[in-house]
């Protein structure tokens, strides 16, 4: 519960508008096969993963992935 408070306080402080998943039991990591952090997923409105990055993608990759899910930076 402490992590939830800390993470959401950070998100509020920085006006983050995206969803944050706290995976305390590891179910999400297993379902999405996350083996490294950071892992970044771009999911479209239909729930389909359009892009996946392990590590930090370049700015051009981020812009391309945002466009793929219909989000404009």
N, C-alpha and C. Protein backbone atom coordinates (compact mmCIF):
# COMPACT_ATOMS: atom_id res chain seq x y z
N UNK A 1 0.81 -1.19 0.00
CA UNK A 1 0.00 0.00 0.00
C UNK A 1 0.86 1.26 0.00
N UNK A 2 2.00 1.21 0.64
CA UNK A 2 2.90 2.36 0.69
C UNK A 2 3.37 2.72 -0.72
N UNK A 3 3.70 1.70 -1.55
CA UNK A 3 4.14 1.97 -2.91
C UNK A 3 3.07 2.69 -3.71
N UNK A 4 1.82 2.28 -3.52
CA UNK A 4 0.70 2.91 -4.22
C UNK A 4 0.67 4.40 -3.92
N UNK A 5 0.79 4.75 -2.67
CA UNK A 5 0.74 6.15 -2.25
C UNK A 5 1.91 6.93 -2.84
N UNK A 6 3.10 6.38 -2.78
CA UNK A 6 4.30 7.05 -3.30
C UNK A 6 4.21 7.24 -4.82
N UNK A 7 3.85 6.18 -5.52
CA UNK A 7 3.79 6.24 -6.98
C UNK A 7 2.72 7.22 -7.44
N UNK A 8 1.56 7.16 -6.85
CA UNK A 8 0.48 8.06 -7.27
C UNK A 8 0.74 9.51 -6.87
N UNK A 9 1.43 9.72 -5.78
CA UNK A 9 1.82 11.09 -5.40
C UNK A 9 2.79 11.64 -6.44
N UNK A 10 3.73 10.82 -6.88
CA UNK A 10 4.67 11.23 -7.93
C UNK A 10 3.93 11.55 -9.22
N UNK A 11 3.01 10.68 -9.62
CA UNK A 11 2.23 10.89 -10.84
C UNK A 11 1.42 12.19 -10.77
N UNK A 12 0.81 12.44 -9.63
CA UNK A 12 0.04 13.66 -9.45
C UNK A 12 0.94 14.89 -9.51
N UNK A 13 2.07 14.82 -8.84
CA UNK A 13 3.01 15.94 -8.79
C UNK A 13 3.51 16.31 -10.18
N UNK A 14 3.68 15.31 -11.04
CA UNK A 14 4.22 15.53 -12.38
C UNK A 14 3.13 15.54 -13.46
N UNK A 15 1.88 15.55 -13.03
CA UNK A 15 0.73 15.60 -13.95
C UNK A 15 0.79 14.52 -15.03
N UNK A 16 1.15 13.30 -14.63
CA UNK A 16 1.22 12.20 -15.58
C UNK A 16 -0.20 11.78 -15.95
N UNK A 17 -0.44 11.61 -17.25
CA UNK A 17 -1.79 11.32 -17.70
C UNK A 17 -1.98 9.87 -18.13
N UNK A 18 -0.93 9.06 -18.05
CA UNK A 18 -1.04 7.67 -18.49
C UNK A 18 -1.25 6.75 -17.30
N UNK A 19 -1.73 5.57 -17.59
CA UNK A 19 -1.99 4.59 -16.54
C UNK A 19 -0.69 4.02 -15.99
N UNK A 20 -0.67 3.78 -14.72
CA UNK A 20 0.48 3.19 -14.06
C UNK A 20 0.01 1.89 -13.41
N UNK A 21 0.71 0.81 -13.72
CA UNK A 21 0.36 -0.50 -13.19
C UNK A 21 1.34 -0.87 -12.09
N UNK A 22 0.83 -1.14 -10.92
CA UNK A 22 1.66 -1.64 -9.82
C UNK A 22 1.41 -3.14 -9.75
N UNK A 23 2.44 -3.88 -10.01
CA UNK A 23 2.32 -5.33 -10.18
C UNK A 23 2.91 -6.06 -8.97
N UNK A 24 2.26 -5.91 -7.85
CA UNK A 24 2.84 -6.44 -6.61
C UNK A 24 2.94 -7.96 -6.56
N UNK A 25 2.10 -8.67 -7.31
CA UNK A 25 2.17 -10.13 -7.28
C UNK A 25 2.80 -10.74 -8.54
N UNK A 26 3.21 -9.90 -9.50
CA UNK A 26 3.91 -10.39 -10.68
C UNK A 26 3.03 -10.91 -11.81
N UNK A 27 1.71 -10.84 -11.66
CA UNK A 27 0.82 -11.38 -12.69
C UNK A 27 0.92 -10.62 -14.01
N UNK A 28 1.02 -9.30 -13.95
CA UNK A 28 1.12 -8.50 -15.17
C UNK A 28 2.45 -8.77 -15.87
N UNK A 29 3.51 -8.85 -15.11
CA UNK A 29 4.83 -9.14 -15.69
C UNK A 29 4.82 -10.47 -16.43
N UNK A 30 4.20 -11.46 -15.85
CA UNK A 30 4.12 -12.77 -16.50
C UNK A 30 3.24 -12.71 -17.74
N UNK A 31 2.10 -12.04 -17.65
CA UNK A 31 1.17 -11.98 -18.77
C UNK A 31 1.78 -11.28 -19.98
N UNK A 32 2.56 -10.22 -19.74
CA UNK A 32 3.15 -9.45 -20.84
C UNK A 32 4.61 -9.82 -21.09
N UNK A 33 5.09 -10.83 -20.39
CA UNK A 33 6.47 -11.29 -20.53
C UNK A 33 7.49 -10.16 -20.36
N UNK A 34 7.36 -9.46 -19.24
CA UNK A 34 8.29 -8.38 -18.92
C UNK A 34 9.44 -8.97 -18.12
N UNK A 35 10.60 -8.89 -18.71
CA UNK A 35 11.80 -9.46 -18.07
C UNK A 35 12.84 -8.41 -17.76
N UNK A 36 12.61 -7.19 -18.21
CA UNK A 36 13.57 -6.11 -17.98
C UNK A 36 12.80 -4.83 -17.68
N UNK A 37 13.44 -3.98 -16.93
CA UNK A 37 12.86 -2.68 -16.62
C UNK A 37 13.87 -1.62 -17.06
N UNK A 38 13.48 -0.60 -17.78
CA UNK A 38 12.09 -0.31 -18.13
C UNK A 38 11.63 -1.11 -19.34
N UNK A 39 10.37 -1.44 -19.35
CA UNK A 39 9.68 -2.02 -20.51
C UNK A 39 8.53 -1.07 -20.81
N UNK A 40 8.37 -0.75 -22.08
CA UNK A 40 7.38 0.24 -22.49
C UNK A 40 6.49 -0.37 -23.55
N UNK A 41 5.18 -0.29 -23.34
CA UNK A 41 4.20 -0.84 -24.27
C UNK A 41 3.30 0.27 -24.78
N UNK A 42 3.01 0.25 -26.06
CA UNK A 42 2.04 1.16 -26.64
C UNK A 42 0.83 0.33 -27.04
N UNK A 43 -0.28 0.59 -26.39
CA UNK A 43 -1.50 -0.20 -26.57
C UNK A 43 -2.56 0.70 -27.19
N UNK A 44 -3.16 0.23 -28.29
CA UNK A 44 -4.18 1.03 -28.97
C UNK A 44 -5.52 0.94 -28.24
N UNK A 45 -6.53 1.65 -28.76
CA UNK A 45 -7.85 1.70 -28.13
C UNK A 45 -8.55 0.35 -28.10
N UNK A 46 -8.10 -0.58 -28.92
CA UNK A 46 -8.69 -1.92 -28.95
C UNK A 46 -7.98 -2.88 -28.00
N UNK A 47 -6.95 -2.38 -27.32
CA UNK A 47 -6.21 -3.21 -26.38
C UNK A 47 -5.10 -4.03 -27.03
N UNK A 48 -4.75 -3.70 -28.28
CA UNK A 48 -3.72 -4.43 -29.01
C UNK A 48 -2.37 -3.72 -28.84
N UNK A 49 -1.35 -4.48 -28.48
CA UNK A 49 -0.02 -3.90 -28.34
C UNK A 49 0.51 -3.59 -29.74
N UNK A 50 0.80 -2.32 -29.99
CA UNK A 50 1.31 -1.89 -31.29
C UNK A 50 2.83 -1.75 -31.30
N UNK A 51 3.42 -1.55 -30.13
CA UNK A 51 4.88 -1.44 -30.04
C UNK A 51 5.30 -1.82 -28.64
N UNK A 52 6.50 -2.39 -28.55
CA UNK A 52 7.06 -2.81 -27.26
C UNK A 52 8.55 -2.50 -27.27
N UNK A 53 9.03 -1.87 -26.22
CA UNK A 53 10.45 -1.55 -26.11
C UNK A 53 10.97 -2.05 -24.77
N UNK A 54 12.12 -2.61 -24.81
CA UNK A 54 12.85 -2.96 -23.59
C UNK A 54 14.02 -2.00 -23.53
N UNK A 55 14.08 -1.24 -22.46
CA UNK A 55 15.05 -0.18 -22.38
C UNK A 55 14.39 1.12 -22.80
N UNK A 56 15.20 2.12 -23.06
CA UNK A 56 14.68 3.44 -23.41
C UNK A 56 14.75 3.65 -24.91
N UNK A 57 13.59 3.83 -25.55
CA UNK A 57 13.59 4.06 -27.00
C UNK A 57 14.02 5.48 -27.34
N UNK A 58 14.45 5.66 -28.57
CA UNK A 58 14.82 6.99 -29.06
C UNK A 58 13.55 7.82 -29.24
N UNK A 59 13.71 9.13 -29.26
CA UNK A 59 12.56 10.02 -29.40
C UNK A 59 11.77 9.73 -30.68
N UNK A 60 12.45 9.46 -31.78
CA UNK A 60 11.77 9.15 -33.04
C UNK A 60 10.92 7.89 -32.91
N UNK A 61 11.43 6.89 -32.18
CA UNK A 61 10.66 5.66 -31.96
C UNK A 61 9.42 5.95 -31.12
N UNK A 62 9.55 6.80 -30.13
CA UNK A 62 8.41 7.16 -29.30
C UNK A 62 7.33 7.86 -30.14
N UNK A 63 7.75 8.80 -30.97
CA UNK A 63 6.80 9.52 -31.81
C UNK A 63 6.10 8.58 -32.78
N UNK A 64 6.84 7.66 -33.37
CA UNK A 64 6.28 6.69 -34.30
C UNK A 64 5.27 5.79 -33.58
N UNK A 65 5.60 5.36 -32.39
CA UNK A 65 4.72 4.48 -31.63
C UNK A 65 3.46 5.20 -31.18
N UNK A 66 3.61 6.45 -30.78
CA UNK A 66 2.43 7.25 -30.41
C UNK A 66 1.50 7.42 -31.60
N UNK A 67 2.07 7.65 -32.77
CA UNK A 67 1.25 7.79 -33.98
C UNK A 67 0.54 6.49 -34.29
N UNK A 68 1.20 5.36 -34.05
CA UNK A 68 0.62 4.05 -34.34
C UNK A 68 -0.63 3.76 -33.50
N UNK A 69 -0.71 4.36 -32.32
CA UNK A 69 -1.88 4.13 -31.47
C UNK A 69 -2.85 5.31 -31.52
N UNK A 70 -2.58 6.25 -32.40
CA UNK A 70 -3.49 7.38 -32.58
C UNK A 70 -3.32 8.49 -31.58
N UNK A 71 -2.18 8.53 -30.91
CA UNK A 71 -1.90 9.60 -29.95
C UNK A 71 -0.90 10.57 -30.57
N UNK A 72 -1.15 11.84 -30.43
CA UNK A 72 -0.25 12.84 -30.99
C UNK A 72 0.49 13.50 -29.84
N UNK A 73 1.83 13.47 -29.90
CA UNK A 73 2.59 14.08 -28.80
C UNK A 73 2.40 15.59 -28.72
